[in-house]
Amino acid sequence: MCQHQPQCPPADSPDREAAHVVAAHPEQGWSLLCNGVVLFEDTGEILPDGRLIAPHRPRVRLAA
């Protein structure tokens, strides 16, 4: 259970990535969030129930 004030968004919330980082491993490219989500540097995620969220970085368009 989250002890932060205000509480972190739950893992099934659209803003789940706003949760506090409780363990960071930048050398391996991932962080564990307070809500149990494993967030990868490519923006992919593993939710606590095992579901995978594909990377969702915005696409950058180059000026012509």
PDB file of N, CA and C in Angstrom:
ATOM      1  N   MET A   1       0.844  -1.178   0.000  1.00  0.00           N
ATOM      2  CA  MET A   1       0.000   0.000   0.000  1.00  0.00           C
ATOM      3  C   MET A   1       0.888   1.240   0.000  1.00  0.00           C
ATOM      4  N   CYS A   2       0.543   2.195  -0.787  1.00  0.00           N
ATOM      5  CA  CYS A   2       1.325   3.422  -0.923  1.00  0.00           C
ATOM      6  C   CYS A   2       1.228   4.272   0.342  1.00  0.00           C
ATOM      7  N   GLN A   3       2.373   4.753   0.822  1.00  0.00           N
ATOM      8  CA  GLN A   3       2.426   5.614   1.994  1.00  0.00           C
ATOM      9  C   GLN A   3       2.666   7.073   1.620  1.00  0.00           C
ATOM     10  N   HIS A   4       2.752   7.373   0.321  1.00  0.00           N
ATOM     11  CA  HIS A   4       3.007   8.744  -0.116  1.00  0.00           C
ATOM     12  C   HIS A   4       1.745   9.592  -0.003  1.00  0.00           C
ATOM     13  N   GLN A   5       1.955  10.896   0.191  1.00  0.00           N
ATOM     14  CA  GLN A   5       0.833  11.844   0.229  1.00  0.00           C
ATOM     15  C   GLN A   5       1.079  12.924  -0.812  1.00  0.00           C
ATOM     16  N   PRO A   6       0.245  13.111  -1.788  1.00  0.00           N
ATOM     17  CA  PRO A   6      -0.920  12.274  -2.073  1.00  0.00           C
ATOM     18  C   PRO A   6      -0.488  10.894  -2.549  1.00  0.00           C
ATOM     19  N   GLN A   7      -1.395   9.943  -2.452  1.00  0.00           N
ATOM     20  CA  GLN A   7      -1.055   8.573  -2.831  1.00  0.00           C
ATOM     21  C   GLN A   7      -0.728   8.465  -4.314  1.00  0.00           C
ATOM     22  N   CYS A   8       0.155   7.543  -4.627  1.00  0.00           N
ATOM     23  CA  CYS A   8       0.525   7.282  -6.017  1.00  0.00           C
ATOM     24  C   CYS A   8      -0.659   6.667  -6.752  1.00  0.00           C
ATOM     25  N   PRO A   9      -0.758   6.915  -8.062  1.00  0.00           N
ATOM     26  CA  PRO A   9      -1.847   6.307  -8.830  1.00  0.00           C
ATOM     27  C   PRO A   9      -1.674   4.786  -8.877  1.00  0.00           C
ATOM     28  N   PRO A  10      -2.771   4.049  -8.866  1.00  0.00           N
ATOM     29  CA  PRO A  10      -2.683   2.589  -8.923  1.00  0.00           C
ATOM     30  C   PRO A  10      -2.169   2.109 -10.281  1.00  0.00           C
ATOM     31  N   ALA A  11      -1.748   0.858 -10.318  1.00  0.00           N
ATOM     32  CA  ALA A  11      -1.160   0.285 -11.529  1.00  0.00           C
ATOM     33  C   ALA A  11      -2.135   0.212 -12.685  1.00  0.00           C
ATOM     34  N   ASP A  12      -3.435   0.183 -12.422  1.00  0.00           N
ATOM     35  CA  ASP A  12      -4.408   0.094 -13.510  1.00  0.00           C
ATOM     36  C   ASP A  12      -4.922   1.462 -13.959  1.00  0.00           C
ATOM     37  N   SER A  13      -4.313   2.515 -13.436  1.00  0.00           N
ATOM     38  CA  SER A  13      -4.700   3.879 -13.781  1.00  0.00           C
ATOM     39  C   SER A  13      -3.926   4.356 -15.016  1.00  0.00           C
ATOM     40  N   PRO A  14      -4.538   5.193 -15.850  1.00  0.00           N
ATOM     41  CA  PRO A  14      -3.819   5.707 -17.027  1.00  0.00           C
ATOM     42  C   PRO A  14      -2.568   6.512 -16.661  1.00  0.00           C
ATOM     43  N   ASP A  15      -2.534   7.112 -15.474  1.00  0.00           N
ATOM     44  CA  ASP A  15      -1.358   7.892 -15.069  1.00  0.00           C
ATOM     45  C   ASP A  15      -0.440   7.124 -14.128  1.00  0.00           C
ATOM     46  N   ARG A  16      -0.419   5.791 -14.267  1.00  0.00           N
ATOM     47  CA  ARG A  16       0.387   4.920 -13.391  1.00  0.00           C
ATOM     48  C   ARG A  16       1.868   5.284 -13.374  1.00  0.00           C
ATOM     49  N   GLU A  17       2.394   5.873 -14.456  1.00  0.00           N
ATOM     50  CA  GLU A  17       3.816   6.216 -14.532  1.00  0.00           C
ATOM     51  C   GLU A  17       4.188   7.381 -13.618  1.00  0.00           C
ATOM     52  N   ALA A  18       3.191   8.048 -13.039  1.00  0.00           N
ATOM     53  CA  ALA A  18       3.445   9.170 -12.128  1.00  0.00           C
ATOM     54  C   ALA A  18       3.774   8.708 -10.714  1.00  0.00           C
ATOM     55  N   ALA A  19       3.737   7.415 -10.445  1.00  0.00           N
ATOM     56  CA  ALA A  19       4.056   6.887  -9.120  1.00  0.00           C
ATOM     57  C   ALA A  19       5.534   7.114  -8.794  1.00  0.00           C
ATOM     58  N   HIS A  20       5.842   7.170  -7.508  1.00  0.00           N
ATOM     59  CA  HIS A  20       7.221   7.359  -7.062  1.00  0.00           C
ATOM     60  C   HIS A  20       8.080   6.143  -7.401  1.00  0.00           C
ATOM     61  N   VAL A  21       9.337   6.385  -7.719  1.00  0.00           N
ATOM     62  CA  VAL A  21      10.306   5.314  -7.958  1.00  0.00           C
ATOM     63  C   VAL A  21      10.780   4.806  -6.593  1.00  0.00           C
ATOM     64  N   VAL A  22      10.694   3.485  -6.387  1.00  0.00           N
ATOM     65  CA  VAL A  22      11.167   2.901  -5.135  1.00  0.00           C
ATOM     66  C   VAL A  22      12.483   2.143  -5.319  1.00  0.00           C
ATOM     67  N   ALA A  23      12.796   1.764  -6.554  1.00  0.00           N
ATOM     68  CA  ALA A  23      14.079   1.124  -6.861  1.00  0.00           C
ATOM     69  C   ALA A  23      14.447   1.486  -8.295  1.00  0.00           C
ATOM     70  N   ALA A  24      15.617   2.074  -8.467  1.00  0.00           N
ATOM     71  CA  ALA A  24      16.061   2.484  -9.799  1.00  0.00           C
ATOM     72  C   ALA A  24      17.309   1.712 -10.196  1.00  0.00           C
ATOM     73  N   HIS A  25      17.312   1.204 -11.399  1.00  0.00           N
ATOM     74  CA  HIS A  25      18.470   0.494 -11.952  1.00  0.00           C
ATOM     75  C   HIS A  25      18.739   1.027 -13.355  1.00  0.00           C
ATOM     76  N   PRO A  26      19.203   2.285 -13.457  1.00  0.00           N
ATOM     77  CA  PRO A  26      19.424   2.881 -14.774  1.00  0.00           C
ATOM     78  C   PRO A  26      20.460   2.130 -15.601  1.00  0.00           C
ATOM     79  N   GLU A  27      21.401   1.474 -14.942  1.00  0.00           N
ATOM     80  CA  GLU A  27      22.413   0.710 -15.683  1.00  0.00           C
ATOM     81  C   GLU A  27      21.791  -0.484 -16.397  1.00  0.00           C
ATOM     82  N   GLN A  28      20.618  -0.934 -15.908  1.00  0.00           N
ATOM     83  CA  GLN A  28      19.896  -2.036 -16.535  1.00  0.00           C
ATOM     84  C   GLN A  28      18.679  -1.554 -17.306  1.00  0.00           C
ATOM     85  N   GLY A  29      18.343  -0.263 -17.178  1.00  0.00           N
ATOM     86  CA  GLY A  29      17.266   0.321 -17.969  1.00  0.00           C
ATOM     87  C   GLY A  29      15.873   0.161 -17.400  1.00  0.00           C
ATOM     88  N   TRP A  30      15.730  -0.022 -16.081  1.00  0.00           N
ATOM     89  CA  TRP A  30      14.392  -0.159 -15.520  1.00  0.00           C
ATOM     90  C   TRP A  30      14.312   0.434 -14.129  1.00  0.00           C
ATOM     91  N   SER A  31      13.055   0.712 -13.717  1.00  0.00           N
ATOM     92  CA  SER A  31      12.770   1.209 -12.371  1.00  0.00           C
ATOM     93  C   SER A  31      11.500   0.536 -11.868  1.00  0.00           C
ATOM     94  N   LEU A  32      11.441   0.314 -10.556  1.00  0.00           N
ATOM     95  CA  LEU A  32      10.244  -0.208  -9.912  1.00  0.00           C
ATOM     96  C   LEU A  32       9.508   0.960  -9.288  1.00  0.00           C
ATOM     97  N   LEU A  33       8.239   1.102  -9.627  1.00  0.00           N
ATOM     98  CA  LEU A  33       7.434   2.183  -9.092  1.00  0.00           C
ATOM     99  C   LEU A  33       6.675   1.713  -7.855  1.00  0.00           C
ATOM    100  N   CYS A  34       6.239   2.661  -7.049  1.00  0.00           N
ATOM    101  CA  CYS A  34       5.536   2.388  -5.803  1.00  0.00           C
ATOM    102  C   CYS A  34       4.299   1.521  -6.009  1.00  0.00           C
ATOM    103  N   ASN A  35       3.658   1.641  -7.147  1.00  0.00           N
ATOM    104  CA  ASN A  35       2.432   0.884  -7.422  1.00  0.00           C
ATOM    105  C   ASN A  35       2.704  -0.514  -7.978  1.00  0.00           C
ATOM    106  N   GLY A  36       3.973  -0.934  -8.005  1.00  0.00           N
ATOM    107  CA  GLY A  36       4.332  -2.274  -8.463  1.00  0.00           C
ATOM    108  C   GLY A  36       4.637  -2.382  -9.936  1.00  0.00           C
ATOM    109  N   VAL A  37       4.553  -1.303 -10.673  1.00  0.00           N
ATOM    110  CA  VAL A  37       4.846  -1.302 -12.109  1.00  0.00           C
ATOM    111  C   VAL A  37       6.359  -1.274 -12.309  1.00  0.00           C
ATOM    112  N   VAL A  38       6.849  -2.117 -13.216  1.00  0.00           N
ATOM    113  CA  VAL A  38       8.247  -2.049 -13.646  1.00  0.00           C
ATOM    114  C   VAL A  38       8.244  -1.230 -14.930  1.00  0.00           C
ATOM    115  N   LEU A  39       8.945  -0.101 -14.892  1.00  0.00           N
ATOM    116  CA  LEU A  39       8.981   0.831 -16.016  1.00  0.00           C
ATOM    117  C   LEU A  39      10.355   0.758 -16.669  1.00  0.00           C
ATOM    118  N   PHE A  40      10.373   0.510 -17.977  1.00  0.00           N
ATOM    119  CA  PHE A  40      11.627   0.412 -18.716  1.00  0.00           C
ATOM    120  C   PHE A  40      11.943   1.730 -19.399  1.00  0.00           C
ATOM    121  N   GLU A  41      13.226   1.982 -19.661  1.00  0.00           N
ATOM    122  CA  GLU A  41      13.634   3.259 -20.251  1.00  0.00           C
ATOM    123  C   GLU A  41      13.068   3.469 -21.650  1.00  0.00           C
ATOM    124  N   ASP A  42      12.668   2.399 -22.325  1.00  0.00           N
ATOM    125  CA  ASP A  42      12.040   2.553 -23.646  1.00  0.00           C
ATOM    126  C   ASP A  42      10.542   2.823 -23.532  1.00  0.00           C
ATOM    127  N   THR A  43      10.057   3.032 -22.306  1.00  0.00           N
ATOM    128  CA  THR A  43       8.671   3.311 -21.915  1.00  0.00           C
ATOM    129  C   THR A  43       7.775   2.080 -21.917  1.00  0.00           C
ATOM    130  N   GLY A  44       8.329   0.897 -22.130  1.00  0.00           N
ATOM    131  CA  GLY A  44       7.552  -0.327 -21.943  1.00  0.00           C
ATOM    132  C   GLY A  44       7.331  -0.550 -20.450  1.00  0.00           C
ATOM    133  N   GLU A  45       6.337  -1.365 -20.108  1.00  0.00           N
ATOM    134  CA  GLU A  45       6.001  -1.597 -18.710  1.00  0.00           C
ATOM    135  C   GLU A  45       5.590  -3.043 -18.484  1.00  0.00           C
ATOM    136  N   ILE A  46       5.811  -3.515 -17.265  1.00  0.00           N
ATOM    137  CA  ILE A  46       5.224  -4.765 -16.787  1.00  0.00           C
ATOM    138  C   ILE A  46       4.365  -4.383 -15.597  1.00  0.00           C
ATOM    139  N   LEU A  47       3.083  -4.710 -15.673  1.00  0.00           N
ATOM    140  CA  LEU A  47       2.165  -4.412 -14.592  1.00  0.00           C
ATOM    141  C   LEU A  47       2.249  -5.502 -13.526  1.00  0.00           C
ATOM    142  N   PRO A  48       1.822  -5.225 -12.304  1.00  0.00           N
ATOM    143  CA  PRO A  48       1.919  -6.219 -11.230  1.00  0.00           C
ATOM    144  C   PRO A  48       1.205  -7.536 -11.532  1.00  0.00           C
ATOM    145  N   ASP A  49       0.173  -7.503 -12.368  1.00  0.00           N
ATOM    146  CA  ASP A  49      -0.547  -8.739 -12.697  1.00  0.00           C
ATOM    147  C   ASP A  49       0.099  -9.501 -13.859  1.00  0.00           C
ATOM    148  N   GLY A  50       1.248  -9.003 -14.348  1.00  0.00           N
ATOM    149  CA  GLY A  50       1.992  -9.689 -15.403  1.00  0.00           C
ATOM    150  C   GLY A  50       1.710  -9.199 -16.815  1.00  0.00           C
ATOM    151  N   ARG A  51       0.709  -8.320 -16.970  1.00  0.00           N
ATOM    152  CA  ARG A  51       0.432  -7.788 -18.309  1.00  0.00           C
ATOM    153  C   ARG A  51       1.588  -6.912 -18.771  1.00  0.00           C
ATOM    154  N   LEU A  52       1.808  -6.923 -20.074  1.00  0.00           N
ATOM    155  CA  LEU A  52       2.857  -6.112 -20.686  1.00  0.00           C
ATOM    156  C   LEU A  52       2.241  -4.926 -21.402  1.00  0.00           C
ATOM    157  N   ILE A  53       2.885  -3.778 -21.272  1.00  0.00           N
ATOM    158  CA  ILE A  53       2.495  -2.580 -22.002  1.00  0.00           C
ATOM    159  C   ILE A  53       3.648  -2.278 -22.956  1.00  0.00           C
ATOM    160  N   ALA A  54       3.356  -2.252 -24.241  1.00  0.00           N
ATOM    161  CA  ALA A  54       4.396  -2.006 -25.244  1.00  0.00           C
ATOM    162  C   ALA A  54       4.954  -0.591 -25.091  1.00  0.00           C
ATOM    163  N   PRO A  55       6.204  -0.383 -25.499  1.00  0.00           N
ATOM    164  CA  PRO A  55       6.768   0.965 -25.466  1.00  0.00           C
ATOM    165  C   PRO A  55       5.858   1.939 -26.206  1.00  0.00           C
ATOM    166  N   HIS A  56       5.754   3.159 -25.668  1.00  0.00           N
ATOM    167  CA  HIS A  56       4.835   4.129 -26.249  1.00  0.00           C
ATOM    168  C   HIS A  56       5.431   5.530 -26.295  1.00  0.00           C
ATOM    169  N   ARG A  57       6.688   5.578 -26.690  1.00  0.00           N
ATOM    170  CA  ARG A  57       7.318   6.890 -26.904  1.00  0.00           C
ATOM    171  C   ARG A  57       6.634   7.599 -28.042  1.00  0.00           C
ATOM    172  N   PRO A  58       6.491   8.903 -27.949  1.00  0.00           N
ATOM    173  CA  PRO A  58       5.928   9.637 -29.088  1.00  0.00           C
ATOM    174  C   PRO A  58       6.908   9.590 -30.256  1.00  0.00           C
ATOM    175  N   ARG A  59       6.365   9.531 -31.442  1.00  0.00           N
ATOM    176  CA  ARG A  59       7.222   9.528 -32.634  1.00  0.00           C
ATOM    177  C   ARG A  59       7.663  10.940 -32.927  1.00  0.00           C
ATOM    178  N   VAL A  60       8.917  11.076 -33.238  1.00  0.00           N
ATOM    179  CA  VAL A  60       9.482  12.399 -33.547  1.00  0.00           C
ATOM    180  C   VAL A  60       9.530  12.547 -35.061  1.00  0.00           C
ATOM    181  N   ARG A  61       8.966  13.647 -35.531  1.00  0.00           N
ATOM    182  CA  ARG A  61       9.007  13.934 -36.971  1.00  0.00           C
ATOM    183  C   ARG A  61      10.114  14.941 -37.219  1.00  0.00           C
ATOM    184  N   LEU A  62      10.926  14.646 -38.193  1.00  0.00           N
ATOM    185  CA  LEU A  62      12.004  15.559 -38.568  1.00  0.00           C
ATOM    186  C   LEU A  62      11.484  16.587 -39.565  1.00  0.00           C
ATOM    187  N   ALA A  63      11.922  17.803 -39.401  1.00  0.00           N
ATOM    188  CA  ALA A  63      11.526  18.866 -40.341  1.00  0.00           C
ATOM    189  C   ALA A  63      12.185  18.614 -41.689  1.00  0.00           C
ATOM    190  N   ALA A  64      11.455  18.884 -42.745  1.00  0.00           N
ATOM    191  CA  ALA A  64      11.985  18.655 -44.090  1.00  0.00           C
ATOM    192  C   ALA A  64      12.776  19.842 -44.574  1.00  0.00           C
TER     193      ALA A  64
END
